[in-house]
N, C-alpha and C. Protein backbone atom coordinates (compact mmCIF):
# COMPACT_ATOMS: atom_id res chain seq x y z
N MET A 1 163.66 32.74 51.72
CA MET A 1 162.54 33.60 50.64
C MET A 1 163.61 35.08 50.20
N VAL A 2 164.30 35.68 49.89
CA VAL A 2 164.91 37.08 49.52
C VAL A 2 164.21 37.95 48.44
N LYS A 3 163.91 39.25 48.98
CA LYS A 3 163.53 40.05 47.63
C LYS A 3 164.93 41.06 47.11
N THR A 4 164.79 41.50 46.20
CA THR A 4 165.73 42.74 45.67
C THR A 4 164.39 43.76 45.74
N ILE A 5 165.09 45.01 46.74
CA ILE A 5 164.55 46.18 46.68
C ILE A 5 165.09 47.32 46.22
N THR A 6 164.72 48.65 45.51
CA THR A 6 164.67 49.36 46.08
C THR A 6 164.98 50.62 45.98
N ILE A 7 166.20 51.40 47.25
CA ILE A 7 165.75 52.54 47.19
C ILE A 7 166.42 53.25 47.42
N LYS A 8 166.71 54.54 47.99
CA LYS A 8 166.96 55.90 47.48
C LYS A 8 168.60 55.89 47.95
N ASP A 9 169.55 56.06 47.77
CA ASP A 9 171.12 56.88 47.40
C ASP A 9 170.58 57.55 49.21
N GLU A 10 170.31 58.42 49.41
CA GLU A 10 169.77 58.89 51.19
C GLU A 10 169.28 57.79 51.69
N VAL A 11 168.08 57.46 51.51
CA VAL A 11 167.69 56.02 52.64
C VAL A 11 168.90 54.53 53.05
N TYR A 12 169.29 54.69 52.08
CA TYR A 12 170.39 53.98 52.39
C TYR A 12 171.57 54.06 53.54
N ARG A 13 172.51 54.82 52.79
CA ARG A 13 172.99 55.89 54.18
C ARG A 13 172.89 55.88 55.16
N GLU A 14 171.36 56.27 55.56
CA GLU A 14 170.38 56.43 56.91
C GLU A 14 171.14 54.77 57.53
N LEU A 15 170.24 53.98 56.43
CA LEU A 15 170.12 52.69 57.49
C LEU A 15 171.66 51.70 57.97
N ALA A 16 172.74 52.36 55.83
CA ALA A 16 173.85 51.65 56.56
C ALA A 16 175.01 52.52 58.08
N SER A 17 173.93 53.38 58.85
CA SER A 17 174.37 54.21 59.42
C SER A 17 173.83 53.57 60.61
N LEU A 18 172.70 53.26 61.01
CA LEU A 18 171.95 52.10 61.65
C LEU A 18 172.01 51.01 61.80
N LYS A 19 173.24 50.47 61.13
CA LYS A 19 173.59 48.87 60.84
C LYS A 19 174.67 48.74 61.57
N ARG A 20 175.52 47.77 62.25
CA ARG A 20 175.10 47.14 63.06
C ARG A 20 176.11 46.30 62.21
N GLU A 21 177.32 45.99 63.22
CA GLU A 21 178.67 44.18 62.47
C GLU A 21 177.55 43.76 62.34
N ARG A 22 178.13 42.33 61.97
CA ARG A 22 176.83 41.49 61.86
C ARG A 22 175.57 42.03 61.77
N GLU A 23 175.57 42.71 61.19
CA GLU A 23 173.72 42.73 61.89
C GLU A 23 173.33 43.00 59.72
N SER A 24 172.06 42.71 59.09
CA SER A 24 172.06 42.54 57.48
C SER A 24 171.03 43.74 57.73
N PHE A 25 170.62 44.28 56.58
CA PHE A 25 170.31 45.93 56.44
C PHE A 25 168.76 45.29 56.77
N SER A 26 168.31 44.04 56.67
CA SER A 26 167.21 43.64 57.28
C SER A 26 166.97 43.58 58.40
N ASP A 27 168.36 43.56 59.17
CA ASP A 27 167.79 43.43 60.64
C ASP A 27 167.62 44.85 61.31
N VAL A 28 167.99 45.69 60.20
CA VAL A 28 167.84 46.69 60.52
C VAL A 28 166.23 47.52 60.48
N ILE A 29 166.20 46.73 59.08
CA ILE A 29 164.96 47.03 58.65
C ILE A 29 164.08 46.40 60.16
N MET A 30 163.91 45.57 60.62
CA MET A 30 163.34 44.90 61.36
C MET A 30 162.83 45.29 62.71
N LYS A 31 164.46 45.98 62.93
CA LYS A 31 164.39 46.95 64.19
C LYS A 31 162.97 47.92 63.94
N LEU A 32 163.42 48.77 62.94
CA LEU A 32 163.20 50.07 63.03
C LEU A 32 161.77 49.93 62.69
N LEU A 33 160.94 49.27 62.37
CA LEU A 33 159.56 48.53 62.06
C LEU A 33 158.56 47.73 63.61
N SER A 34 159.89 46.70 63.95
CA SER A 34 159.20 46.67 65.23
C SER A 34 158.71 47.83 66.67
N ARG A 35 159.57 49.25 66.16
CA ARG A 35 159.26 50.46 67.02
C ARG A 35 157.99 51.43 67.18
N ARG A 36 157.36 50.62 65.39
CA ARG A 36 156.40 51.58 65.83
C ARG A 36 155.98 50.46 66.34
N ARG A 37 155.28 49.21 66.75
CA ARG A 37 154.47 48.43 67.65
C ARG A 37 154.36 48.91 68.83
N ILE A 38 154.48 49.67 69.26
CA ILE A 38 154.23 50.07 70.65
C ILE A 38 153.42 49.40 70.82
N ASP A 39 153.07 48.73 72.56
CA ASP A 39 152.26 48.99 73.26
C ASP A 39 151.81 50.28 73.85
N LEU A 40 150.13 50.72 73.18
CA LEU A 40 150.31 51.14 73.77
C LEU A 40 149.47 51.59 75.74
N PHE A 41 149.23 50.79 76.02
CA PHE A 41 148.06 49.98 76.99
C PHE A 41 149.28 49.73 78.24
N ALA A 42 150.09 49.71 77.47
CA ALA A 42 151.86 49.54 78.73
C ALA A 42 152.34 51.21 79.12
N PHE A 43 151.25 52.25 78.86
CA PHE A 43 151.97 53.01 79.42
C PHE A 43 150.07 53.85 80.03
N TYR A 44 149.00 53.30 80.37
CA TYR A 44 147.67 53.17 79.97
C TYR A 44 148.14 54.09 81.44
N GLY A 45 147.05 55.05 82.47
CA GLY A 45 147.92 55.61 83.99
C GLY A 45 148.58 56.15 83.84
N ALA A 46 149.63 56.66 82.87
CA ALA A 46 150.29 57.43 82.39
C ALA A 46 150.31 59.16 83.15
N PHE A 47 149.20 58.71 82.22
CA PHE A 47 148.58 60.38 82.26
C PHE A 47 147.50 60.80 83.44
N GLU A 48 147.67 61.54 84.34
CA GLU A 48 146.63 61.96 84.92
C GLU A 48 145.09 62.19 84.55
N ASN A 49 146.18 62.88 83.37
CA ASN A 49 144.39 63.34 82.39
C ASN A 49 144.19 62.70 81.92
N LYS A 50 142.67 61.80 82.19
CA LYS A 50 142.38 60.83 81.44
C LYS A 50 141.79 61.34 80.07
N GLU A 51 141.29 62.58 79.80
CA GLU A 51 140.76 63.26 78.64
C GLU A 51 141.75 63.27 77.39
N LEU A 52 143.46 63.80 78.68
CA LEU A 52 144.05 63.66 77.72
C LEU A 52 144.91 62.13 76.73
N TRP A 53 144.41 61.75 77.30
CA TRP A 53 144.32 59.66 77.16
C TRP A 53 144.04 59.62 76.14
N LYS A 54 142.41 59.64 76.76
CA LYS A 54 141.66 59.58 75.63
C LYS A 54 141.87 59.94 73.83
N GLU A 55 142.25 61.70 73.73
CA GLU A 55 142.64 62.15 72.91
C GLU A 55 144.24 61.54 71.92
N VAL A 56 144.54 61.07 72.79
CA VAL A 56 146.44 60.61 72.27
C VAL A 56 145.74 59.58 71.52
N GLU A 57 144.78 58.42 71.94
CA GLU A 57 144.51 57.20 71.36
C GLU A 57 143.28 57.50 70.26
N LYS A 58 143.01 58.87 69.87
CA LYS A 58 142.27 59.38 69.62
C LYS A 58 142.94 59.39 67.82
N ASP A 59 144.06 60.26 68.30
CA ASP A 59 145.05 60.90 67.37
C ASP A 59 145.42 59.76 66.05
N ILE A 60 145.66 58.51 67.37
CA ILE A 60 146.88 57.34 66.80
C ILE A 60 145.57 56.73 66.24
N LEU A 61 144.71 56.34 66.58
CA LEU A 61 144.06 55.90 66.06
C LEU A 61 143.48 55.66 64.48
N THR A 62 143.37 57.89 64.38
CA THR A 62 143.55 58.29 62.90
C THR A 62 144.61 58.23 62.43
N ASP A 63 145.83 58.54 62.75
CA ASP A 63 147.17 58.08 61.86
C ASP A 63 147.21 56.45 61.38
N ARG A 64 146.50 55.65 62.53
CA ARG A 64 147.17 54.28 61.68
C ARG A 64 145.91 54.55 60.53
N ARG A 65 144.57 54.56 60.67
CA ARG A 65 142.96 54.54 59.66
C ARG A 65 144.61 55.14 58.73
N ARG A 66 144.84 56.48 58.69
CA ARG A 66 146.04 57.24 57.39
C ARG A 66 146.49 56.59 56.98
N VAL A 67 147.24 55.71 57.46
CA VAL A 67 148.55 55.03 56.74
C VAL A 67 147.98 53.77 55.93
N THR A 68 147.65 52.90 56.72
CA THR A 68 146.04 51.55 56.36
C THR A 68 145.82 52.01 55.28
N ALA A 69 145.16 53.22 54.28
CA ALA A 69 144.15 54.01 53.63
C ALA A 69 145.29 53.89 52.82
N ARG A 70 146.02 54.42 52.56
CA ARG A 70 147.61 54.44 51.11
C ARG A 70 147.85 52.92 50.59
């Protein structure tokens, strides 16, 4: 299924600059969205300071709730 969306010229130019030959705009958008889905547990243990790690997790959860609430 195909959907038509409206975006600002500035956004179009940014997407076009990221688009490679033979790549669709949908491909570019999916690539950008997948970058947001980083598995933070892959980095667990990278921080020697466990309190800092807990603070980072808390901030990320807070940001996620903020985005979801919009």
